[in-house]
């Protein structure tokens, strides 16, 4: 390692304790103590779930836009999305169509719709966005994205030509879709959907069977929704001349299929897209080491979480990568591209104590990391 190395810090927040910026500050302080004259850059990252909007705005600048949209049950709410420089926008499905917007007693995928998410997409297009990312996750819906399609100007028709509202129950009634009124701005934009699941639209691994029960569907509802989703898949295939019952189409209750069909979206993993938006590959140029991290590393770390995404990018760039995490489970250290993982928690420390001492423990872990790196540099 050179005498004045360059470091990159790209950590997720440690939920409920430290922000990405807090982690970078503590790492930077330790790095400067052990490598006087070093330089470092930091960028907050996220995996496409909670906190993604904040991380992208912090990294890219831009504006948090508040727009009136319908919640999953059609009630007006104020929902936020990010309008970034250079005509880019990031919209979280959960902002207008999220499960957290409903009381437990209100959860009913037969009654809910993604119409509000479509309203946010349309609002972003009207404000000049021409590169729109939709983060799929946390939805209360199982409407196959019919609500989004309707918000963008498509007409959903039953057997008699009557127009449907585009809720989950309408999957069983839809017979045709009229595309003549689609918002023309959508054809001028590029769309990306953040998607970390590979579920198809229908069947035992499809949207209704896998995610429906989490959204309030009874076993009988699941069967009805899956039958309706198969009908919707046929309508889409007739309208667009191709099948959208593909891996990822079942994300967000089938919203993935609608993004593919009506928006021509490409599917990208959440953390992969976040790294694209923040220009992470460019940030790695000339770096000697990258430090990433998240709250708790476990088997899921290998499946599209921040540590695995950052480590993969570092491996492609031939930049060594280590992770500082709040805690870790067995097997978490086997992340491809990751040289080492350091937990901040000490032995069997009670969770409450670890959370209460999060900044102190993270600072100690950062100190251990850079003292070891300094020793290695002297010995090497």
Foldseek 3Di string as FASTA:
>chain_A
DDLAFEEEEEACAQPPFGHSVLLVVLLVVLQCVLRPNHHYYYAYFWFLDPPHQVRLCVLFPFDWDWDWFAAFQGHTDTFTWGQGPPQETEAELCRRFALVVDDPVPQDQQRTASLRSLLVVVVSLVVRRQEYEYRFDRGLYQQLRQNSQVNQFKFFAFPVRDTDNRTLNCLQGTQAIHCPGGNPSLVRHAYAYAFQWFAFCADCSAQLNPPVVVRPADPVRSVSSRVSSVNVQVRLCVVQVDGRRGTRCRTNNRSNSVCCRVRVYHYDHRRLVRCVSSVVLVVCVRHQEYEYEYAEFEPCCQRRTNVLNVLVSCVVVVHAYEYEYQYYDPPRQPRPNHPYYHHLDDDCDDPVVSSVCVSVSSSVRSNVVSVVVSVVVVVD
